[in-house]
Amino acid sequence: MIHKPKIAITGANGILGSILCRGLGERYSITPMVSADHDVRDYETVRQTVAGHSAIIHLARKSWHEKGLHQETYQKNAEMFLNIYTAAAEMGVARVIMASSVHAGYDSAYGVEKISMEVWGQWFATQGLDVVCVRFGAINRENRAYVGEKEL
């Protein structure tokens, strides 16, 4: 039997997560981490789930539905990404791939959240964790490209 490296994917039931689970499934052993079974805000759950994995792809997050600062939403998302980084470092997971955004920056609360996640990733990288933050553009169920409201 051929040994396939194990990858845990948070947000596995989302748009990007479901695509990655299907696309990586032949080459890797996928552990889909969906909120019903794997609450990423619970450190012990994350720690136990990622033990023995080669990588974690972190896509899960609580969405922002209104403009402005949403302390509770930020705290939940920060708790998730810090749990991923910390558990990966503690359990010897070699690589963490984080879903960032082309909107990472200081012009919105969402952008600041993504910058914060990236900066924490830089710090964990100084501690020996291999961290990749991917700044995704617009992702939608229809797989269509838009500029503003206009479809390309």
C-alpha atoms as a PDB file:
ATOM      1  CA  MET A   1       0.000   0.000   0.000  1.00  0.00           C
ATOM      2  CA  ILE A   2       1.320   3.442  -0.952  1.00  0.00           C
ATOM      3  CA  HIS A   3       1.553   5.933   1.886  1.00  0.00           C
ATOM      4  CA  LYS A   4      -0.178   9.207   1.035  1.00  0.00           C
ATOM      5  CA  PRO A   5       0.799  12.343   3.004  1.00  0.00           C
ATOM      6  CA  LYS A   6      -2.034  13.620   5.194  1.00  0.00           C
ATOM      7  CA  ILE A   7      -3.457  17.107   4.757  1.00  0.00           C
ATOM      8  CA  ALA A   8      -6.092  18.658   7.028  1.00  0.00           C
ATOM      9  CA  ILE A   9      -8.346  21.220   5.344  1.00  0.00           C
ATOM     10  CA  THR A  10     -10.429  23.590   7.468  1.00  0.00           C
ATOM     11  CA  GLY A  11     -13.519  24.980   5.806  1.00  0.00           C
ATOM     12  CA  ALA A  12     -13.599  21.846   3.668  1.00  0.00           C
ATOM     13  CA  ASN A  13     -17.293  22.270   2.889  1.00  0.00           C
ATOM     14  CA  GLY A  14     -16.860  25.793   1.475  1.00  0.00           C
ATOM     15  CA  ILE A  15     -16.317  26.709  -2.169  1.00  0.00           C
ATOM     16  CA  LEU A  16     -12.540  26.503  -2.185  1.00  0.00           C
ATOM     17  CA  GLY A  17     -12.364  23.736   0.428  1.00  0.00           C
ATOM     18  CA  SER A  18     -14.595  21.390  -1.545  1.00  0.00           C
ATOM     19  CA  ILE A  19     -12.577  22.033  -4.717  1.00  0.00           C
ATOM     20  CA  LEU A  20      -9.308  21.287  -2.903  1.00  0.00           C
ATOM     21  CA  CYS A  21     -10.666  18.143  -1.257  1.00  0.00           C
ATOM     22  CA  ARG A  22     -11.666  16.765  -4.655  1.00  0.00           C
ATOM     23  CA  GLY A  23      -8.530  17.924  -6.445  1.00  0.00           C
ATOM     24  CA  LEU A  24      -6.007  16.752  -3.852  1.00  0.00           C
ATOM     25  CA  GLY A  25      -7.781  13.548  -2.853  1.00  0.00           C
ATOM     26  CA  GLU A  26      -5.927  11.226  -5.225  1.00  0.00           C
ATOM     27  CA  ARG A  27      -2.463  12.357  -4.171  1.00  0.00           C
ATOM     28  CA  TYR A  28      -3.060  13.057  -0.472  1.00  0.00           C
ATOM     29  CA  SER A  29      -5.069  11.621   2.378  1.00  0.00           C
ATOM     30  CA  ILE A  30      -7.478  14.469   3.182  1.00  0.00           C
ATOM     31  CA  THR A  31      -8.931  15.180   6.609  1.00  0.00           C
ATOM     32  CA  PRO A  32     -11.825  17.578   5.991  1.00  0.00           C
ATOM     33  CA  MET A  33     -12.286  19.800   9.028  1.00  0.00           C
ATOM     34  CA  VAL A  34     -15.844  21.113   8.973  1.00  0.00           C
ATOM     35  CA  SER A  35     -17.369  22.992  11.888  1.00  0.00           C
ATOM     36  CA  ALA A  36     -19.916  20.293  12.713  1.00  0.00           C
ATOM     37  CA  ASP A  37     -17.127  17.816  13.518  1.00  0.00           C
ATOM     38  CA  HIS A  38     -14.011  19.936  14.043  1.00  0.00           C
ATOM     39  CA  ASP A  39     -14.489  23.310  15.752  1.00  0.00           C
ATOM     40  CA  VAL A  40     -11.291  25.147  14.808  1.00  0.00           C
ATOM     41  CA  ARG A  41     -11.858  27.523  17.748  1.00  0.00           C
ATOM     42  CA  ASP A  42     -11.289  24.569  20.095  1.00  0.00           C
ATOM     43  CA  TYR A  43      -7.527  24.192  20.426  1.00  0.00           C
ATOM     44  CA  GLU A  44      -7.578  20.618  21.729  1.00  0.00           C
ATOM     45  CA  THR A  45      -9.773  19.492  18.821  1.00  0.00           C
ATOM     46  CA  VAL A  46      -7.380  21.096  16.334  1.00  0.00           C
ATOM     47  CA  ARG A  47      -4.337  19.651  18.089  1.00  0.00           C
ATOM     48  CA  GLN A  48      -5.719  16.107  18.113  1.00  0.00           C
ATOM     49  CA  THR A  49      -6.989  16.321  14.530  1.00  0.00           C
ATOM     50  CA  VAL A  50      -3.722  17.546  12.950  1.00  0.00           C
ATOM     51  CA  ALA A  51      -1.447  15.054  14.711  1.00  0.00           C
ATOM     52  CA  GLY A  52       0.405  13.051  12.072  1.00  0.00           C
ATOM     53  CA  HIS A  53      -0.414  15.417   9.206  1.00  0.00           C
ATOM     54  CA  SER A  54       2.124  16.828   6.753  1.00  0.00           C
ATOM     55  CA  ALA A  55       0.191  20.039   6.143  1.00  0.00           C
ATOM     56  CA  ILE A  56      -2.839  22.100   7.088  1.00  0.00           C
ATOM     57  CA  ILE A  57      -4.770  24.270   4.644  1.00  0.00           C
ATOM     58  CA  HIS A  58      -6.731  26.816   6.666  1.00  0.00           C
ATOM     59  CA  LEU A  59      -9.771  28.181   4.835  1.00  0.00           C
ATOM     60  CA  ALA A  60     -12.371  28.381   7.633  1.00  0.00           C
ATOM     61  CA  ARG A  61     -13.470  31.762   8.911  1.00  0.00           C
ATOM     62  CA  LYS A  62     -16.486  33.558  10.262  1.00  0.00           C
ATOM     63  CA  SER A  63     -17.718  35.996   7.627  1.00  0.00           C
ATOM     64  CA  TRP A  64     -18.053  39.745   7.989  1.00  0.00           C
ATOM     65  CA  HIS A  65     -21.535  40.802   6.899  1.00  0.00           C
ATOM     66  CA  GLU A  66     -21.377  44.526   7.569  1.00  0.00           C
ATOM     67  CA  LYS A  67     -18.756  47.226   7.191  1.00  0.00           C
ATOM     68  CA  GLY A  68     -16.944  48.443  10.268  1.00  0.00           C
ATOM     69  CA  LEU A  69     -15.143  46.869  13.171  1.00  0.00           C
ATOM     70  CA  HIS A  70     -16.607  43.651  14.473  1.00  0.00           C
ATOM     71  CA  GLN A  71     -14.604  42.678  17.527  1.00  0.00           C
ATOM     72  CA  GLU A  72     -16.423  39.387  18.085  1.00  0.00           C
ATOM     73  CA  THR A  73     -15.921  38.271  14.475  1.00  0.00           C
ATOM     74  CA  TYR A  74     -12.234  39.217  14.537  1.00  0.00           C
ATOM     75  CA  GLN A  75     -11.717  37.388  17.840  1.00  0.00           C
ATOM     76  CA  LYS A  76     -13.272  34.192  16.473  1.00  0.00           C
ATOM     77  CA  ASN A  77     -11.196  34.306  13.293  1.00  0.00           C
ATOM     78  CA  ALA A  78      -8.000  35.148  15.186  1.00  0.00           C
ATOM     79  CA  GLU A  79      -8.683  32.289  17.582  1.00  0.00           C
ATOM     80  CA  MET A  80      -8.961  29.935  14.603  1.00  0.00           C
ATOM     81  CA  PHE A  81      -5.777  31.005  12.836  1.00  0.00           C
ATOM     82  CA  LEU A  82      -3.777  31.088  16.077  1.00  0.00           C
ATOM     83  CA  ASN A  83      -5.019  27.591  16.944  1.00  0.00           C
ATOM     84  CA  ILE A  84      -3.890  26.373  13.511  1.00  0.00           C
ATOM     85  CA  TYR A  85      -0.432  27.935  13.800  1.00  0.00           C
ATOM     86  CA  THR A  86       0.090  26.810  17.403  1.00  0.00           C
ATOM     87  CA  ALA A  87      -1.168  23.253  16.929  1.00  0.00           C
ATOM     88  CA  ALA A  88       0.906  22.852  13.759  1.00  0.00           C
ATOM     89  CA  ALA A  89       4.050  23.982  15.575  1.00  0.00           C
ATOM     90  CA  GLU A  90       3.330  21.811  18.613  1.00  0.00           C
ATOM     91  CA  MET A  91       2.407  18.686  16.652  1.00  0.00           C
ATOM     92  CA  GLY A  92       5.233  18.890  14.112  1.00  0.00           C
ATOM     93  CA  VAL A  93       3.108  19.651  11.062  1.00  0.00           C
ATOM     94  CA  ALA A  94       5.606  20.729   8.394  1.00  0.00           C
ATOM     95  CA  ARG A  95       3.576  23.316   6.474  1.00  0.00           C
ATOM     96  CA  VAL A  96       0.575  25.573   6.987  1.00  0.00           C
ATOM     97  CA  ILE A  97      -1.167  27.215   4.039  1.00  0.00           C
ATOM     98  CA  MET A  98      -3.429  30.097   5.019  1.00  0.00           C
ATOM     99  CA  ALA A  99      -6.179  31.687   2.935  1.00  0.00           C
ATOM    100  CA  SER A 100      -5.505  35.403   2.849  1.00  0.00           C
ATOM    101  CA  SER A 101      -6.966  37.912   0.412  1.00  0.00           C
ATOM    102  CA  VAL A 102      -6.048  40.498  -2.200  1.00  0.00           C
ATOM    103  CA  HIS A 103      -7.900  42.807   0.207  1.00  0.00           C
ATOM    104  CA  ALA A 104      -5.338  42.275   2.983  1.00  0.00           C
ATOM    105  CA  GLY A 105      -4.408  45.791   4.073  1.00  0.00           C
ATOM    106  CA  TYR A 106      -5.327  48.643   6.341  1.00  0.00           C
ATOM    107  CA  ASP A 107      -8.399  49.999   4.533  1.00  0.00           C
ATOM    108  CA  SER A 108     -10.987  47.710   6.174  1.00  0.00           C
ATOM    109  CA  ALA A 109     -11.483  45.556   9.249  1.00  0.00           C
ATOM    110  CA  TYR A 110     -11.427  42.488   6.990  1.00  0.00           C
ATOM    111  CA  GLY A 111      -8.113  43.590   5.481  1.00  0.00           C
ATOM    112  CA  VAL A 112      -6.591  44.193   8.906  1.00  0.00           C
ATOM    113  CA  GLU A 113      -7.697  40.710  10.001  1.00  0.00           C
ATOM    114  CA  LYS A 114      -5.895  39.180   7.024  1.00  0.00           C
ATOM    115  CA  ILE A 115      -2.752  41.275   7.634  1.00  0.00           C
ATOM    116  CA  SER A 116      -2.812  40.151  11.268  1.00  0.00           C
ATOM    117  CA  MET A 117      -3.020  36.518  10.177  1.00  0.00           C
ATOM    118  CA  GLU A 118      -0.075  37.018   7.814  1.00  0.00           C
ATOM    119  CA  VAL A 119       2.049  38.772  10.449  1.00  0.00           C
ATOM    120  CA  TRP A 120       1.424  35.950  12.926  1.00  0.00           C
ATOM    121  CA  GLY A 121       2.450  33.569  10.143  1.00  0.00           C
ATOM    122  CA  GLN A 122       5.715  35.468   9.727  1.00  0.00           C
ATOM    123  CA  TRP A 123       6.391  35.102  13.439  1.00  0.00           C
ATOM    124  CA  PHE A 124       5.639  31.367  13.425  1.00  0.00           C
ATOM    125  CA  ALA A 125       7.959  31.053  10.413  1.00  0.00           C
ATOM    126  CA  THR A 126      10.786  32.490  12.543  1.00  0.00           C
ATOM    127  CA  GLN A 127      10.072  29.633  14.945  1.00  0.00           C
ATOM    128  CA  GLY A 128      10.566  27.019  12.208  1.00  0.00           C
ATOM    129  CA  LEU A 129       7.051  26.514  10.830  1.00  0.00           C
ATOM    130  CA  ASP A 130       6.767  26.616   7.026  1.00  0.00           C
ATOM    131  CA  VAL A 131       3.957  29.133   6.427  1.00  0.00           C
ATOM    132  CA  VAL A 132       2.425  30.105   3.087  1.00  0.00           C
ATOM    133  CA  CYS A 133      -0.239  32.821   2.942  1.00  0.00           C
ATOM    134  CA  VAL A 134      -2.098  32.881  -0.382  1.00  0.00           C
ATOM    135  CA  ARG A 135      -3.876  36.122  -1.273  1.00  0.00           C
ATOM    136  CA  PHE A 136      -6.881  34.858  -3.193  1.00  0.00           C
ATOM    137  CA  GLY A 137      -8.947  37.130  -5.418  1.00  0.00           C
ATOM    138  CA  ALA A 138     -12.672  36.867  -5.951  1.00  0.00           C
ATOM    139  CA  ILE A 139     -13.938  33.344  -5.441  1.00  0.00           C
ATOM    140  CA  ASN A 140     -17.580  32.586  -6.110  1.00  0.00           C
ATOM    141  CA  ARG A 141     -19.753  29.558  -6.712  1.00  0.00           C
ATOM    142  CA  GLU A 142     -20.345  30.553 -10.338  1.00  0.00           C
ATOM    143  CA  ASN A 143     -16.565  30.646 -11.058  1.00  0.00           C
ATOM    144  CA  ARG A 144     -16.989  33.969 -12.875  1.00  0.00           C
ATOM    145  CA  ALA A 145     -14.658  36.963 -12.894  1.00  0.00           C
ATOM    146  CA  TYR A 146     -16.042  40.395 -11.968  1.00  0.00           C
ATOM    147  CA  VAL A 147     -14.754  43.937 -11.764  1.00  0.00           C
ATOM    148  CA  GLY A 148     -17.126  45.704  -9.431  1.00  0.00           C
ATOM    149  CA  GLU A 149     -20.577  44.588 -10.550  1.00  0.00           C
ATOM    150  CA  LYS A 150     -19.508  43.928 -14.151  1.00  0.00           C
ATOM    151  CA  GLU A 151     -18.748  40.384 -15.246  1.00  0.00           C
ATOM    152  CA  LEU A 152     -15.644  39.992 -17.401  1.00  0.00           C
END
